[in-house]
C-alpha cells in the first residue's frame, strides 16, 4: 500500500542524512514520514472508505508533527532547513 521501497528509502536518506550511516536523525525520519504521508494521501484519494489506512495516516502525521516540534526546540536552523527541503508549512 504505502510502503517505500528500498531504493526509494536509500534515495531519501542520502539527501537528508547527517553522516553516512545516519537513519535515526529527526531530519531523516521526517523525510521518510513525509514520503509515506504523500503516498498514503494518494491512496486515500482513490479509496476514500479505507478507514484503517486513514488511521495510519493520522498516526504518521502526528509523529512527524512531534518530530518537527522537537527539532524546532533543539535547533531552529535545522528545523527551517527541514521544512524547506520537504516543502512543508512552517
N, C-alpha and C. Protein backbone atom coordinates (compact mmCIF):
# COMPACT_ATOMS: atom_id res chain seq x y z
N UNK A 1 0.84 -1.18 0.00
CA UNK A 1 0.00 0.00 0.00
C UNK A 1 0.88 1.24 0.00
N UNK A 2 1.29 1.72 1.14
CA UNK A 2 2.07 2.96 1.19
C UNK A 2 3.48 2.69 1.72
N UNK A 3 4.03 1.57 1.31
CA UNK A 3 5.39 1.23 1.73
C UNK A 3 6.37 1.86 0.76
N UNK A 4 7.45 2.38 1.29
CA UNK A 4 8.51 2.94 0.47
C UNK A 4 9.47 1.79 0.16
N UNK A 5 9.80 1.60 -1.13
CA UNK A 5 10.71 0.52 -1.46
C UNK A 5 12.13 0.87 -1.02
N UNK A 6 13.01 -0.10 -1.07
CA UNK A 6 14.37 0.04 -0.54
C UNK A 6 15.14 1.13 -1.31
N UNK A 7 15.01 1.13 -2.62
CA UNK A 7 15.73 2.13 -3.42
C UNK A 7 15.23 3.55 -3.10
N UNK A 8 13.92 3.69 -2.95
CA UNK A 8 13.36 4.99 -2.62
C UNK A 8 13.80 5.45 -1.24
N UNK A 9 13.86 4.51 -0.30
CA UNK A 9 14.28 4.85 1.05
C UNK A 9 15.75 5.30 1.06
N UNK A 10 16.59 4.58 0.33
CA UNK A 10 18.01 4.95 0.27
C UNK A 10 18.18 6.32 -0.38
N UNK A 11 17.39 6.60 -1.40
CA UNK A 11 17.47 7.88 -2.09
C UNK A 11 17.08 9.03 -1.15
N UNK A 12 15.99 8.83 -0.41
CA UNK A 12 15.53 9.85 0.53
C UNK A 12 16.56 10.06 1.65
N UNK A 13 17.07 8.95 2.18
CA UNK A 13 18.05 9.05 3.27
C UNK A 13 19.33 9.72 2.80
N UNK A 14 19.76 9.46 1.57
CA UNK A 14 21.00 10.06 1.10
C UNK A 14 20.90 11.58 1.02
N UNK A 15 19.70 12.09 0.78
CA UNK A 15 19.51 13.54 0.72
C UNK A 15 19.51 14.18 2.11
N UNK A 16 19.02 13.47 3.12
CA UNK A 16 18.76 14.07 4.43
C UNK A 16 19.66 13.57 5.55
N UNK A 17 20.61 12.69 5.24
CA UNK A 17 21.48 12.17 6.29
C UNK A 17 22.46 13.21 6.78
N UNK A 18 22.79 13.12 8.06
CA UNK A 18 23.80 13.99 8.64
C UNK A 18 25.19 13.37 8.40
N UNK A 19 25.28 12.06 8.53
CA UNK A 19 26.51 11.33 8.22
C UNK A 19 26.14 10.07 7.45
N UNK A 20 27.12 9.31 7.01
CA UNK A 20 26.90 8.22 6.07
C UNK A 20 25.94 7.14 6.56
N UNK A 21 26.00 6.79 7.83
CA UNK A 21 25.15 5.70 8.34
C UNK A 21 23.95 6.20 9.13
N UNK A 22 23.61 7.45 8.97
CA UNK A 22 22.52 8.06 9.73
C UNK A 22 21.15 7.61 9.20
N UNK A 23 20.35 7.03 10.08
CA UNK A 23 18.97 6.71 9.74
C UNK A 23 18.01 7.15 10.84
N UNK A 24 18.56 7.68 11.94
CA UNK A 24 17.71 7.97 13.09
C UNK A 24 17.61 9.45 13.42
N UNK A 25 18.27 10.31 12.67
CA UNK A 25 18.17 11.74 12.97
C UNK A 25 16.76 12.22 12.67
N UNK A 26 16.32 13.26 13.35
CA UNK A 26 14.97 13.78 13.07
C UNK A 26 14.77 14.16 11.61
N UNK A 27 15.83 14.69 10.98
CA UNK A 27 15.72 15.07 9.58
C UNK A 27 15.39 13.87 8.70
N UNK A 28 16.08 12.76 8.92
CA UNK A 28 15.85 11.55 8.14
C UNK A 28 14.45 11.00 8.40
N UNK A 29 14.06 10.96 9.65
CA UNK A 29 12.75 10.42 10.00
C UNK A 29 11.63 11.28 9.42
N UNK A 30 11.78 12.58 9.46
CA UNK A 30 10.76 13.48 8.91
C UNK A 30 10.65 13.30 7.41
N UNK A 31 11.79 13.15 6.74
CA UNK A 31 11.77 12.96 5.29
C UNK A 31 11.07 11.66 4.91
N UNK A 32 11.36 10.58 5.63
CA UNK A 32 10.71 9.30 5.34
C UNK A 32 9.21 9.36 5.64
N UNK A 33 8.85 9.99 6.75
CA UNK A 33 7.43 10.12 7.08
C UNK A 33 6.69 10.97 6.05
N UNK A 34 7.34 12.02 5.56
CA UNK A 34 6.71 12.88 4.56
C UNK A 34 6.43 12.10 3.29
N UNK A 35 7.38 11.29 2.85
CA UNK A 35 7.17 10.48 1.64
C UNK A 35 6.04 9.48 1.85
N UNK A 36 6.02 8.85 3.00
CA UNK A 36 4.96 7.88 3.31
C UNK A 36 3.60 8.57 3.38
N UNK A 37 3.56 9.75 3.98
CA UNK A 37 2.30 10.51 4.07
C UNK A 37 1.80 10.88 2.69
N UNK A 38 2.71 11.30 1.81
CA UNK A 38 2.31 11.65 0.45
C UNK A 38 1.73 10.45 -0.30
N UNK A 39 2.34 9.28 -0.12
CA UNK A 39 1.82 8.07 -0.76
C UNK A 39 0.46 7.68 -0.20
N UNK A 40 0.31 7.75 1.11
CA UNK A 40 -0.96 7.41 1.73
C UNK A 40 -2.07 8.38 1.32
N UNK A 41 -1.72 9.64 1.16
CA UNK A 41 -2.70 10.63 0.73
C UNK A 41 -3.24 10.29 -0.64
N UNK A 42 -2.34 9.90 -1.55
CA UNK A 42 -2.77 9.49 -2.89
C UNK A 42 -3.65 8.25 -2.84
N UNK A 43 -3.30 7.30 -1.98
CA UNK A 43 -4.10 6.09 -1.84
C UNK A 43 -5.50 6.42 -1.33
N UNK A 44 -5.57 7.32 -0.35
CA UNK A 44 -6.87 7.64 0.24
C UNK A 44 -7.75 8.47 -0.69
N UNK A 45 -7.15 9.19 -1.62
CA UNK A 45 -7.96 9.90 -2.61
C UNK A 45 -8.66 8.90 -3.53
N UNK A 46 -7.97 7.80 -3.83
CA UNK A 46 -8.57 6.77 -4.68
C UNK A 46 -9.49 5.85 -3.90
N UNK A 47 -9.26 5.70 -2.60
CA UNK A 47 -10.03 4.79 -1.75
C UNK A 47 -10.52 5.52 -0.51
N UNK A 48 -11.54 6.34 -0.64
CA UNK A 48 -11.96 7.18 0.48
C UNK A 48 -12.56 6.42 1.67
N UNK A 49 -12.96 5.18 1.48
CA UNK A 49 -13.56 4.43 2.59
C UNK A 49 -12.56 3.55 3.33
N UNK A 50 -11.30 3.67 3.04
CA UNK A 50 -10.26 2.86 3.69
C UNK A 50 -9.88 3.52 5.02
N UNK A 51 -10.65 3.20 6.04
CA UNK A 51 -10.50 3.88 7.33
C UNK A 51 -9.27 3.41 8.10
N UNK A 52 -8.82 2.19 7.91
CA UNK A 52 -7.62 1.74 8.61
C UNK A 52 -6.38 2.45 8.07
N UNK A 53 -6.34 2.71 6.77
CA UNK A 53 -5.23 3.47 6.21
C UNK A 53 -5.30 4.93 6.65
N UNK A 54 -6.51 5.45 6.79
CA UNK A 54 -6.67 6.82 7.26
C UNK A 54 -6.13 6.96 8.68
N UNK A 55 -6.38 5.96 9.52
CA UNK A 55 -5.86 5.99 10.88
C UNK A 55 -4.34 5.95 10.88
N UNK A 56 -3.76 5.12 10.01
CA UNK A 56 -2.31 5.07 9.89
C UNK A 56 -1.74 6.39 9.42
N UNK A 57 -2.44 7.03 8.49
CA UNK A 57 -2.01 8.34 8.01
C UNK A 57 -1.99 9.36 9.14
N UNK A 58 -3.05 9.38 9.94
CA UNK A 58 -3.13 10.33 11.05
C UNK A 58 -2.04 10.08 12.09
N UNK A 59 -1.70 8.82 12.32
CA UNK A 59 -0.63 8.50 13.26
C UNK A 59 0.71 9.00 12.73
N UNK A 60 0.94 8.85 11.43
CA UNK A 60 2.19 9.32 10.84
C UNK A 60 2.28 10.84 10.85
N UNK A 61 1.17 11.50 10.60
CA UNK A 61 1.15 12.97 10.65
C UNK A 61 1.46 13.45 12.06
N UNK A 62 0.90 12.79 13.06
CA UNK A 62 1.18 13.15 14.46
C UNK A 62 2.63 12.91 14.83
N UNK A 63 3.21 11.83 14.36
CA UNK A 63 4.61 11.52 14.63
C UNK A 63 5.51 12.57 13.99
N UNK A 64 5.20 12.92 12.74
CA UNK A 64 6.00 13.95 12.06
C UNK A 64 5.88 15.29 12.78
N UNK A 65 4.68 15.61 13.24
CA UNK A 65 4.47 16.86 13.96
C UNK A 65 5.29 16.91 15.24
N UNK A 66 5.33 15.81 15.97
CA UNK A 66 6.10 15.79 17.21
C UNK A 66 7.60 15.87 16.93
N UNK A 67 8.07 15.24 15.85
CA UNK A 67 9.48 15.34 15.49
C UNK A 67 9.84 16.76 15.07
N UNK A 68 8.94 17.42 14.34
CA UNK A 68 9.18 18.81 13.94
C UNK A 68 9.21 19.73 15.16
N UNK A 69 8.32 19.49 16.10
CA UNK A 69 8.28 20.29 17.33
C UNK A 69 9.58 20.11 18.12
N UNK A 70 10.05 18.86 18.21
CA UNK A 70 11.30 18.58 18.91
C UNK A 70 12.47 19.29 18.22
N UNK A 71 12.52 19.18 16.89
CA UNK A 71 13.62 19.78 16.15
C UNK A 71 13.61 21.30 16.28
N UNK A 72 12.43 21.90 16.32
CA UNK A 72 12.32 23.35 16.49
C UNK A 72 12.84 23.79 17.85
N UNK A 73 12.62 22.97 18.88
CA UNK A 73 13.08 23.34 20.22
C UNK A 73 14.59 23.14 20.37
N UNK A 74 15.14 22.17 19.67
CA UNK A 74 16.57 21.87 19.77
C UNK A 74 17.39 22.78 18.87
N UNK A 75 16.98 22.91 17.61
CA UNK A 75 17.76 23.67 16.64
C UNK A 75 16.84 24.33 15.62
N UNK A 76 16.48 25.58 15.83
CA UNK A 76 15.59 26.26 14.88
C UNK A 76 16.14 26.33 13.46
N UNK A 77 17.46 26.41 13.32
CA UNK A 77 18.05 26.46 11.97
C UNK A 77 17.82 25.15 11.22
N UNK A 78 18.04 24.03 11.90
CA UNK A 78 17.79 22.72 11.27
C UNK A 78 16.31 22.55 10.96
N UNK A 79 15.45 23.06 11.84
CA UNK A 79 14.01 22.98 11.64
C UNK A 79 13.61 23.69 10.36
N UNK A 80 14.11 24.90 10.16
CA UNK A 80 13.80 25.66 8.95
C UNK A 80 14.32 24.94 7.70
N UNK A 81 15.49 24.35 7.83
CA UNK A 81 16.09 23.63 6.70
C UNK A 81 15.24 22.42 6.30
N UNK A 82 14.75 21.69 7.30
CA UNK A 82 13.92 20.51 7.03
C UNK A 82 12.59 20.91 6.41
N UNK A 83 12.00 21.98 6.89
CA UNK A 83 10.73 22.45 6.35
C UNK A 83 10.90 22.84 4.87
N UNK A 84 11.99 23.53 4.56
CA UNK A 84 12.23 23.93 3.18
C UNK A 84 12.52 22.72 2.29
N UNK A 85 13.31 21.77 2.80
CA UNK A 85 13.68 20.60 1.99
C UNK A 85 12.49 19.71 1.69
N UNK A 86 11.53 19.63 2.60
CA UNK A 86 10.38 18.76 2.40
C UNK A 86 9.13 19.53 1.95
N UNK A 87 9.30 20.80 1.70
CA UNK A 87 8.22 21.71 1.28
C UNK A 87 6.97 21.56 2.16
N UNK A 88 7.19 21.79 3.45
CA UNK A 88 6.12 21.74 4.45
C UNK A 88 5.74 23.14 4.85
N UNK A 89 4.59 23.28 5.48
CA UNK A 89 4.19 24.56 6.03
C UNK A 89 4.92 24.76 7.35
N UNK A 90 5.39 25.94 7.59
CA UNK A 90 6.16 26.18 8.82
C UNK A 90 5.47 27.07 9.72
